[in-house]
Amino acid sequence: MASKDRLLGRILRGTSDANIPFGRFCALLRGLGFDERIKGSHHIFTMSGIPEILNLQPKKAKAKVYQVRQVREIILRYKLAGDKDD
């Protein structure tokens, strides 16, 4: 659980967007309550109550920078991080 919190903190701080492991990025979204479906290299995340659909693809083994920013915006907009103030 501490690893999930550490990754969430890194994403919310925005200091290492180019260095987020894709597998852990997807696991974090699942842990936040998103449903995942996979079609080819596309990992599509949806959540009840959130109209945005997150369509993510890896760049080698890392998450794409613009997609990390997109996820950060969703986490902050819908307060999915709980009481985390990072």
PDB file of N, CA and C in Angstrom:
ATOM      1  N   MET A   1       0.818  -1.196   0.000  1.00  0.00           N
ATOM      2  CA  MET A   1       0.000   0.000   0.000  1.00  0.00           C
ATOM      3  C   MET A   1       0.860   1.257   0.000  1.00  0.00           C
ATOM      4  N   ALA A   2       2.000   1.220   0.685  1.00  0.00           N
ATOM      5  CA  ALA A   2       2.878   2.382   0.726  1.00  0.00           C
ATOM      6  C   ALA A   2       3.406   2.704  -0.672  1.00  0.00           C
ATOM      7  N   SER A   3       3.654   1.666  -1.474  1.00  0.00           N
ATOM      8  CA  SER A   3       4.133   1.873  -2.838  1.00  0.00           C
ATOM      9  C   SER A   3       3.089   2.619  -3.669  1.00  0.00           C
ATOM     10  N   LYS A   4       1.804   2.260  -3.485  1.00  0.00           N
ATOM     11  CA  LYS A   4       0.719   2.942  -4.191  1.00  0.00           C
ATOM     12  C   LYS A   4       0.668   4.412  -3.778  1.00  0.00           C
ATOM     13  N   ASP A   5       0.796   4.674  -2.475  1.00  0.00           N
ATOM     14  CA  ASP A   5       0.767   6.051  -1.984  1.00  0.00           C
ATOM     15  C   ASP A   5       1.960   6.846  -2.508  1.00  0.00           C
ATOM     16  N   ARG A   6       3.107   6.206  -2.583  1.00  0.00           N
ATOM     17  CA  ARG A   6       4.315   6.870  -3.082  1.00  0.00           C
ATOM     18  C   ARG A   6       4.140   7.235  -4.565  1.00  0.00           C
ATOM     19  N   LEU A   7       3.591   6.293  -5.354  1.00  0.00           N
ATOM     20  CA  LEU A   7       3.363   6.563  -6.774  1.00  0.00           C
ATOM     21  C   LEU A   7       2.322   7.669  -6.945  1.00  0.00           C
ATOM     22  N   LEU A   8       1.250   7.612  -6.171  1.00  0.00           N
ATOM     23  CA  LEU A   8       0.222   8.652  -6.234  1.00  0.00           C
ATOM     24  C   LEU A   8       0.821  10.011  -5.899  1.00  0.00           C
ATOM     25  N   GLY A   9       1.666  10.059  -4.891  1.00  0.00           N
ATOM     26  CA  GLY A   9       2.341  11.314  -4.528  1.00  0.00           C
ATOM     27  C   GLY A   9       3.206  11.847  -5.659  1.00  0.00           C
ATOM     28  N   ARG A  10       3.940  10.963  -6.319  1.00  0.00           N
ATOM     29  CA  ARG A  10       4.782  11.387  -7.457  1.00  0.00           C
ATOM     30  C   ARG A  10       3.926  11.953  -8.581  1.00  0.00           C
ATOM     31  N   ILE A  11       2.797  11.306  -8.837  1.00  0.00           N
ATOM     32  CA  ILE A  11       1.917  11.785  -9.907  1.00  0.00           C
ATOM     33  C   ILE A  11       1.322  13.135  -9.538  1.00  0.00           C
ATOM     34  N   LEU A  12       0.868  13.286  -8.307  1.00  0.00           N
ATOM     35  CA  LEU A  12       0.246  14.544  -7.888  1.00  0.00           C
ATOM     36  C   LEU A  12       1.248  15.695  -7.835  1.00  0.00           C
ATOM     37  N   ARG A  13       2.500  15.414  -7.467  1.00  0.00           N
ATOM     38  CA  ARG A  13       3.523  16.465  -7.454  1.00  0.00           C
ATOM     39  C   ARG A  13       3.910  16.893  -8.859  1.00  0.00           C
ATOM     40  N   GLY A  14       3.856  15.968  -9.806  1.00  0.00           N
ATOM     41  CA  GLY A  14       4.179  16.292 -11.191  1.00  0.00           C
ATOM     42  C   GLY A  14       5.646  16.506 -11.467  1.00  0.00           C
ATOM     43  N   THR A  15       6.508  15.994 -10.608  1.00  0.00           N
ATOM     44  CA  THR A  15       7.939  16.220 -10.785  1.00  0.00           C
ATOM     45  C   THR A  15       8.635  15.149 -11.614  1.00  0.00           C
ATOM     46  N   SER A  16       7.955  14.015 -11.858  1.00  0.00           N
ATOM     47  CA  SER A  16       8.610  12.948 -12.622  1.00  0.00           C
ATOM     48  C   SER A  16       7.628  12.289 -13.588  1.00  0.00           C
ATOM     49  N   ASP A  17       6.889  13.094 -14.319  1.00  0.00           N
ATOM     50  CA  ASP A  17       5.870  12.570 -15.231  1.00  0.00           C
ATOM     51  C   ASP A  17       6.447  11.636 -16.298  1.00  0.00           C
ATOM     52  N   ALA A  18       7.688  11.830 -16.677  1.00  0.00           N
ATOM     53  CA  ALA A  18       8.291  11.015 -17.730  1.00  0.00           C
ATOM     54  C   ALA A  18       8.853   9.702 -17.188  1.00  0.00           C
ATOM     55  N   ASN A  19       8.740   9.479 -15.901  1.00  0.00           N
ATOM     56  CA  ASN A  19       9.382   8.309 -15.294  1.00  0.00           C
ATOM     57  C   ASN A  19       8.400   7.484 -14.458  1.00  0.00           C
ATOM     58  N   ILE A  20       7.170   7.335 -14.938  1.00  0.00           N
ATOM     59  CA  ILE A  20       6.149   6.558 -14.235  1.00  0.00           C
ATOM     60  C   ILE A  20       6.026   5.192 -14.919  1.00  0.00           C
ATOM     61  N   PRO A  21       6.289   4.096 -14.204  1.00  0.00           N
ATOM     62  CA  PRO A  21       6.159   2.761 -14.809  1.00  0.00           C
ATOM     63  C   PRO A  21       4.709   2.484 -15.207  1.00  0.00           C
ATOM     64  N   PHE A  22       4.502   2.035 -16.443  1.00  0.00           N
ATOM     65  CA  PHE A  22       3.150   1.864 -16.970  1.00  0.00           C
ATOM     66  C   PHE A  22       2.339   0.838 -16.180  1.00  0.00           C
ATOM     67  N   GLY A  23       2.945  -0.284 -15.824  1.00  0.00           N
ATOM     68  CA  GLY A  23       2.222  -1.315 -15.079  1.00  0.00           C
ATOM     69  C   GLY A  23       1.731  -0.816 -13.729  1.00  0.00           C
ATOM     70  N   ARG A  24       2.579  -0.085 -13.026  1.00  0.00           N
ATOM     71  CA  ARG A  24       2.184   0.465 -11.725  1.00  0.00           C
ATOM     72  C   ARG A  24       1.155   1.569 -11.896  1.00  0.00           C
ATOM     73  N   PHE A  25       1.252   2.313 -12.996  1.00  0.00           N
ATOM     74  CA  PHE A  25       0.300   3.380 -13.315  1.00  0.00           C
ATOM     75  C   PHE A  25      -1.104   2.781 -13.477  1.00  0.00           C
ATOM     76  N   CYS A  26      -1.202   1.687 -14.224  1.00  0.00           N
ATOM     77  CA  CYS A  26      -2.488   0.999 -14.419  1.00  0.00           C
ATOM     78  C   CYS A  26      -2.994   0.411 -13.110  1.00  0.00           C
ATOM     79  N   ALA A  27      -2.096  -0.177 -12.320  1.00  0.00           N
ATOM     80  CA  ALA A  27      -2.487  -0.753 -11.034  1.00  0.00           C
ATOM     81  C   ALA A  27      -3.025   0.327 -10.099  1.00  0.00           C
ATOM     82  N   LEU A  28      -2.428   1.508 -10.136  1.00  0.00           N
ATOM     83  CA  LEU A  28      -2.909   2.622  -9.318  1.00  0.00           C
ATOM     84  C   LEU A  28      -4.339   2.994  -9.702  1.00  0.00           C
ATOM     85  N   LEU A  29      -4.601   3.090 -10.997  1.00  0.00           N
ATOM     86  CA  LEU A  29      -5.950   3.442 -11.448  1.00  0.00           C
ATOM     87  C   LEU A  29      -6.963   2.380 -11.029  1.00  0.00           C
ATOM     88  N   ARG A  30      -6.597   1.119 -11.150  1.00  0.00           N
ATOM     89  CA  ARG A  30      -7.497   0.048 -10.689  1.00  0.00           C
ATOM     90  C   ARG A  30      -7.736   0.180  -9.188  1.00  0.00           C
ATOM     91  N   GLY A  31      -6.693   0.501  -8.441  1.00  0.00           N
ATOM     92  CA  GLY A  31      -6.812   0.674  -6.997  1.00  0.00           C
ATOM     93  C   GLY A  31      -7.675   1.861  -6.603  1.00  0.00           C
ATOM     94  N   LEU A  32      -7.740   2.861  -7.471  1.00  0.00           N
ATOM     95  CA  LEU A  32      -8.595   4.029  -7.215  1.00  0.00           C
ATOM     96  C   LEU A  32     -10.060   3.755  -7.565  1.00  0.00           C
ATOM     97  N   GLY A  33     -10.319   2.586  -8.163  1.00  0.00           N
ATOM     98  CA  GLY A  33     -11.698   2.205  -8.456  1.00  0.00           C
ATOM     99  C   GLY A  33     -12.088   2.232  -9.918  1.00  0.00           C
ATOM    100  N   PHE A  34     -11.128   2.453 -10.805  1.00  0.00           N
ATOM    101  CA  PHE A  34     -11.426   2.447 -12.237  1.00  0.00           C
ATOM    102  C   PHE A  34     -11.574   1.017 -12.740  1.00  0.00           C
ATOM    103  N   ASP A  35     -12.439   0.830 -13.706  1.00  0.00           N
ATOM    104  CA  ASP A  35     -12.571  -0.445 -14.409  1.00  0.00           C
ATOM    105  C   ASP A  35     -11.663  -0.375 -15.628  1.00  0.00           C
ATOM    106  N   GLU A  36     -10.976  -1.471 -15.922  1.00  0.00           N
ATOM    107  CA  GLU A  36     -10.028  -1.506 -17.040  1.00  0.00           C
ATOM    108  C   GLU A  36     -10.470  -2.536 -18.064  1.00  0.00           C
ATOM    109  N   ARG A  37     -10.383  -2.154 -19.321  1.00  0.00           N
ATOM    110  CA  ARG A  37     -10.510  -3.140 -20.392  1.00  0.00           C
ATOM    111  C   ARG A  37      -9.338  -2.898 -21.341  1.00  0.00           C
ATOM    112  N   ILE A  38      -8.866  -3.951 -21.938  1.00  0.00           N
ATOM    113  CA  ILE A  38      -7.683  -3.868 -22.793  1.00  0.00           C
ATOM    114  C   ILE A  38      -8.061  -4.283 -24.196  1.00  0.00           C
ATOM    115  N   LYS A  39      -7.660  -3.462 -25.161  1.00  0.00           N
ATOM    116  CA  LYS A  39      -7.874  -3.766 -26.574  1.00  0.00           C
ATOM    117  C   LYS A  39      -6.555  -3.470 -27.285  1.00  0.00           C
ATOM    118  N   GLY A  40      -5.828  -4.518 -27.599  1.00  0.00           N
ATOM    119  CA  GLY A  40      -4.496  -4.342 -28.176  1.00  0.00           C
ATOM    120  C   GLY A  40      -3.573  -3.740 -27.132  1.00  0.00           C
ATOM    121  N   SER A  41      -2.911  -2.640 -27.473  1.00  0.00           N
ATOM    122  CA  SER A  41      -2.025  -1.972 -26.514  1.00  0.00           C
ATOM    123  C   SER A  41      -2.755  -0.886 -25.726  1.00  0.00           C
ATOM    124  N   HIS A  42      -4.026  -0.703 -25.999  1.00  0.00           N
ATOM    125  CA  HIS A  42      -4.804   0.340 -25.341  1.00  0.00           C
ATOM    126  C   HIS A  42      -5.433  -0.196 -24.050  1.00  0.00           C
ATOM    127  N   HIS A  43      -5.185   0.502 -22.972  1.00  0.00           N
ATOM    128  CA  HIS A  43      -5.793   0.193 -21.680  1.00  0.00           C
ATOM    129  C   HIS A  43      -6.825   1.291 -21.454  1.00  0.00           C
ATOM    130  N   ILE A  44      -8.091   0.912 -21.420  1.00  0.00           N
ATOM    131  CA  ILE A  44      -9.176   1.876 -21.360  1.00  0.00           C
ATOM    132  C   ILE A  44      -9.793   1.811 -19.967  1.00  0.00           C
ATOM    133  N   PHE A  45      -9.758   2.947 -19.270  1.00  0.00           N
ATOM    134  CA  PHE A  45     -10.239   3.021 -17.896  1.00  0.00           C
ATOM    135  C   PHE A  45     -11.492   3.877 -17.825  1.00  0.00           C
ATOM    136  N   THR A  46     -12.491   3.359 -17.125  1.00  0.00           N
ATOM    137  CA  THR A  46     -13.734   4.093 -16.902  1.00  0.00           C
ATOM    138  C   THR A  46     -14.113   3.947 -15.433  1.00  0.00           C
ATOM    139  N   MET A  47     -14.929   4.903 -14.983  1.00  0.00           N
ATOM    140  CA  MET A  47     -15.426   4.843 -13.608  1.00  0.00           C
ATOM    141  C   MET A  47     -16.809   5.458 -13.573  1.00  0.00           C
ATOM    142  N   SER A  48     -17.697   4.819 -12.873  1.00  0.00           N
ATOM    143  CA  SER A  48     -19.046   5.344 -12.710  1.00  0.00           C
ATOM    144  C   SER A  48     -18.970   6.719 -12.047  1.00  0.00           C
ATOM    145  N   GLY A  49     -19.695   7.688 -12.596  1.00  0.00           N
ATOM    146  CA  GLY A  49     -19.703   9.037 -12.048  1.00  0.00           C
ATOM    147  C   GLY A  49     -18.658   9.952 -12.644  1.00  0.00           C
ATOM    148  N   ILE A  50     -17.789   9.404 -13.477  1.00  0.00           N
ATOM    149  CA  ILE A  50     -16.758  10.214 -14.141  1.00  0.00           C
ATOM    150  C   ILE A  50     -16.969  10.081 -15.640  1.00  0.00           C
ATOM    151  N   PRO A  51     -17.346  11.185 -16.313  1.00  0.00           N
ATOM    152  CA  PRO A  51     -17.656  11.098 -17.741  1.00  0.00           C
ATOM    153  C   PRO A  51     -16.439  10.880 -18.640  1.00  0.00           C
ATOM    154  N   GLU A  52     -15.251  11.265 -18.190  1.00  0.00           N
ATOM    155  CA  GLU A  52     -14.054  11.099 -19.005  1.00  0.00           C
ATOM    156  C   GLU A  52     -13.655   9.627 -19.090  1.00  0.00           C
ATOM    157  N   ILE A  53     -13.143   9.256 -20.242  1.00  0.00           N
ATOM    158  CA  ILE A  53     -12.605   7.921 -20.463  1.00  0.00           C
ATOM    159  C   ILE A  53     -11.099   8.075 -20.640  1.00  0.00           C
ATOM    160  N   LEU A  54     -10.339   7.294 -19.900  1.00  0.00           N
ATOM    161  CA  LEU A  54      -8.880   7.344 -19.999  1.00  0.00           C
ATOM    162  C   LEU A  54      -8.423   6.221 -20.916  1.00  0.00           C
ATOM    163  N   ASN A  55      -7.819   6.578 -22.044  1.00  0.00           N
ATOM    164  CA  ASN A  55      -7.314   5.620 -23.017  1.00  0.00           C
ATOM    165  C   ASN A  55      -5.795   5.725 -22.986  1.00  0.00           C
ATOM    166  N   LEU A  56      -5.140   4.774 -22.351  1.00  0.00           N
ATOM    167  CA  LEU A  56      -3.701   4.843 -22.104  1.00  0.00           C
ATOM    168  C   LEU A  56      -2.957   3.786 -22.898  1.00  0.00           C
ATOM    169  N   GLN A  57      -1.779   4.146 -23.368  1.00  0.00           N
ATOM    170  CA  GLN A  57      -0.879   3.209 -24.040  1.00  0.00           C
ATOM    171  C   GLN A  57       0.526   3.437 -23.487  1.00  0.00           C
ATOM    172  N   PRO A  58       1.292   2.350 -23.346  1.00  0.00           N
ATOM    173  CA  PRO A  58       2.664   2.519 -22.859  1.00  0.00           C
ATOM    174  C   PRO A  58       3.592   3.050 -23.946  1.00  0.00           C
ATOM    175  N   LYS A  59       4.648   3.706 -23.503  1.00  0.00           N
ATOM    176  CA  LYS A  59       5.763   4.083 -24.379  1.00  0.00           C
ATOM    177  C   LYS A  59       6.951   3.320 -23.804  1.00  0.00           C
ATOM    178  N   LYS A  60       7.258   2.203 -24.445  1.00  0.00           N
ATOM    179  CA  LYS A  60       8.177   1.201 -23.884  1.00  0.00           C
ATOM    180  C   LYS A  60       7.546   0.726 -22.581  1.00  0.00           C
ATOM    181  N   ALA A  61       8.204   0.861 -21.451  1.00  0.00           N
ATOM    182  CA  ALA A  61       7.616   0.386 -20.188  1.00  0.00           C
ATOM    183  C   ALA A  61       7.102   1.534 -19.329  1.00  0.00           C
ATOM    184  N   LYS A  62       7.086   2.732 -19.874  1.00  0.00           N
ATOM    185  CA  LYS A  62       6.675   3.918 -19.114  1.00  0.00           C
ATOM    186  C   LYS A  62       5.337   4.453 -19.604  1.00  0.00           C
ATOM    187  N   ALA A  63       4.681   5.209 -18.736  1.00  0.00           N
ATOM    188  CA  ALA A  63       3.456   5.910 -19.122  1.00  0.00           C
ATOM    189  C   ALA A  63       3.851   7.154 -19.917  1.00  0.00           C
ATOM    190  N   LYS A  64       3.024   7.536 -20.865  1.00  0.00           N
ATOM    191  CA  LYS A  64       3.284   8.742 -21.648  1.00  0.00           C
ATOM    192  C   LYS A  64       3.040   9.976 -20.777  1.00  0.00           C
ATOM    193  N   VAL A  65       3.890  10.972 -20.945  1.00  0.00           N
ATOM    194  CA  VAL A  65       3.850  12.169 -20.101  1.00  0.00           C
ATOM    195  C   VAL A  65       2.482  12.851 -20.160  1.00  0.00           C
ATOM    196  N   TYR A  66       1.926  13.044 -21.348  1.00  0.00           N
ATOM    197  CA  TYR A  66       0.650  13.746 -21.440  1.00  0.00           C
ATOM    198  C   TYR A  66      -0.471  12.945 -20.780  1.00  0.00           C
ATOM    199  N   GLN A  67      -0.347  11.620 -20.765  1.00  0.00           N
ATOM    200  CA  GLN A  67      -1.368  10.799 -20.134  1.00  0.00           C
ATOM    201  C   GLN A  67      -1.261  10.860 -18.607  1.00  0.00           C
ATOM    202  N   VAL A  68      -0.046  10.981 -18.088  1.00  0.00           N
ATOM    203  CA  VAL A  68       0.132  11.167 -16.646  1.00  0.00           C
ATOM    204  C   VAL A  68      -0.516  12.486 -16.234  1.00  0.00           C
ATOM    205  N   ARG A  69      -0.308  13.534 -17.029  1.00  0.00           N
ATOM    206  CA  ARG A  69      -0.940  14.834 -16.736  1.00  0.00           C
ATOM    207  C   ARG A  69      -2.458  14.723 -16.772  1.00  0.00           C
ATOM    208  N   GLN A  70      -2.975  14.002 -17.749  1.00  0.00           N
ATOM    209  CA  GLN A  70      -4.422  13.811 -17.883  1.00  0.00           C
ATOM    210  C   GLN A  70      -4.982  13.091 -16.651  1.00  0.00           C
ATOM    211  N   VAL A  71      -4.305  12.049 -16.206  1.00  0.00           N
ATOM    212  CA  VAL A  71      -4.755  11.307 -15.033  1.00  0.00           C
ATOM    213  C   VAL A  71      -4.676  12.191 -13.790  1.00  0.00           C
ATOM    214  N   ARG A  72      -3.599  12.966 -13.639  1.00  0.00           N
ATOM    215  CA  ARG A  72      -3.472  13.871 -12.489  1.00  0.00           C
ATOM    216  C   ARG A  72      -4.657  14.837 -12.437  1.00  0.00           C
ATOM    217  N   GLU A  73      -5.019  15.384 -13.587  1.00  0.00           N
ATOM    218  CA  GLU A  73      -6.143  16.314 -13.653  1.00  0.00           C
ATOM    219  C   GLU A  73      -7.446  15.638 -13.207  1.00  0.00           C
ATOM    220  N   ILE A  74      -7.672  14.410 -13.636  1.00  0.00           N
ATOM    221  CA  ILE A  74      -8.883  13.664 -13.255  1.00  0.00           C
ATOM    222  C   ILE A  74      -8.878  13.383 -11.748  1.00  0.00           C
ATOM    223  N   ILE A  75      -7.730  12.944 -11.217  1.00  0.00           N
ATOM    224  CA  ILE A  75      -7.625  12.648  -9.785  1.00  0.00           C
ATOM    225  C   ILE A  75      -7.937  13.892  -8.965  1.00  0.00           C
ATOM    226  N   LEU A  76      -7.400  15.023  -9.372  1.00  0.00           N
ATOM    227  CA  LEU A  76      -7.634  16.264  -8.628  1.00  0.00           C
ATOM    228  C   LEU A  76      -9.062  16.771  -8.807  1.00  0.00           C
ATOM    229  N   ARG A  77      -9.570  16.747 -10.028  1.00  0.00           N
ATOM    230  CA  ARG A  77     -10.914  17.267 -10.309  1.00  0.00           C
ATOM    231  C   ARG A  77     -11.982  16.517  -9.514  1.00  0.00           C
ATOM    232  N   TYR A  78     -11.855  15.193  -9.440  1.00  0.00           N
ATOM    233  CA  TYR A  78     -12.870  14.379  -8.783  1.00  0.00           C
ATOM    234  C   TYR A  78     -12.465  13.954  -7.362  1.00  0.00           C
ATOM    235  N   LYS A  79     -11.359  14.524  -6.863  1.00  0.00           N
ATOM    236  CA  LYS A  79     -10.890  14.271  -5.502  1.00  0.00           C
ATOM    237  C   LYS A  79     -10.757  12.768  -5.210  1.00  0.00           C
ATOM    238  N   LEU A  80     -10.104  12.063  -6.097  1.00  0.00           N
ATOM    239  CA  LEU A  80      -9.939  10.611  -5.961  1.00  0.00           C
ATOM    240  C   LEU A  80      -8.781  10.238  -5.041  1.00  0.00           C
ATOM    241  N   ALA A  81      -7.950  11.214  -4.670  1.00  0.00           N
ATOM    242  CA  ALA A  81      -6.800  10.923  -3.840  1.00  0.00           C
ATOM    243  C   ALA A  81      -7.157  10.929  -2.354  1.00  0.00           C
ATOM    244  N   GLY A  82      -8.405  11.147  -2.020  1.00  0.00           N
ATOM    245  CA  GLY A  82      -8.808  11.202  -0.627  1.00  0.00           C
ATOM    246  C   GLY A  82      -8.317  12.486   0.009  1.00  0.00           C
ATOM    247  N   ASP A  83      -7.671  12.362   1.163  1.00  0.00           N
ATOM    248  CA  ASP A  83      -7.206  13.552   1.879  1.00  0.00           C
ATOM    249  C   ASP A  83      -5.747  13.867   1.614  1.00  0.00           C
ATOM    250  N   LYS A  84      -5.183  13.272   0.575  1.00  0.00           N
ATOM    251  CA  LYS A  84      -3.770  13.488   0.227  1.00  0.00           C
ATOM    252  C   LYS A  84      -3.558  14.920  -0.227  1.00  0.00           C
ATOM    253  N   ASP A  85      -2.605  15.615   0.386  1.00  0.00           N
ATOM    254  CA  ASP A  85      -2.383  17.040   0.089  1.00  0.00           C
ATOM    255  C   ASP A  85      -1.132  17.298  -0.723  1.00  0.00           C
ATOM    256  N   ASP A  86      -0.505  16.286  -1.299  1.00  0.00           N
ATOM    257  CA  ASP A  86       0.745  16.476  -2.065  1.00  0.00           C
ATOM    258  C   ASP A  86       0.548  17.336  -3.259  1.00  0.00           C
TER     259      ASP A  86
END
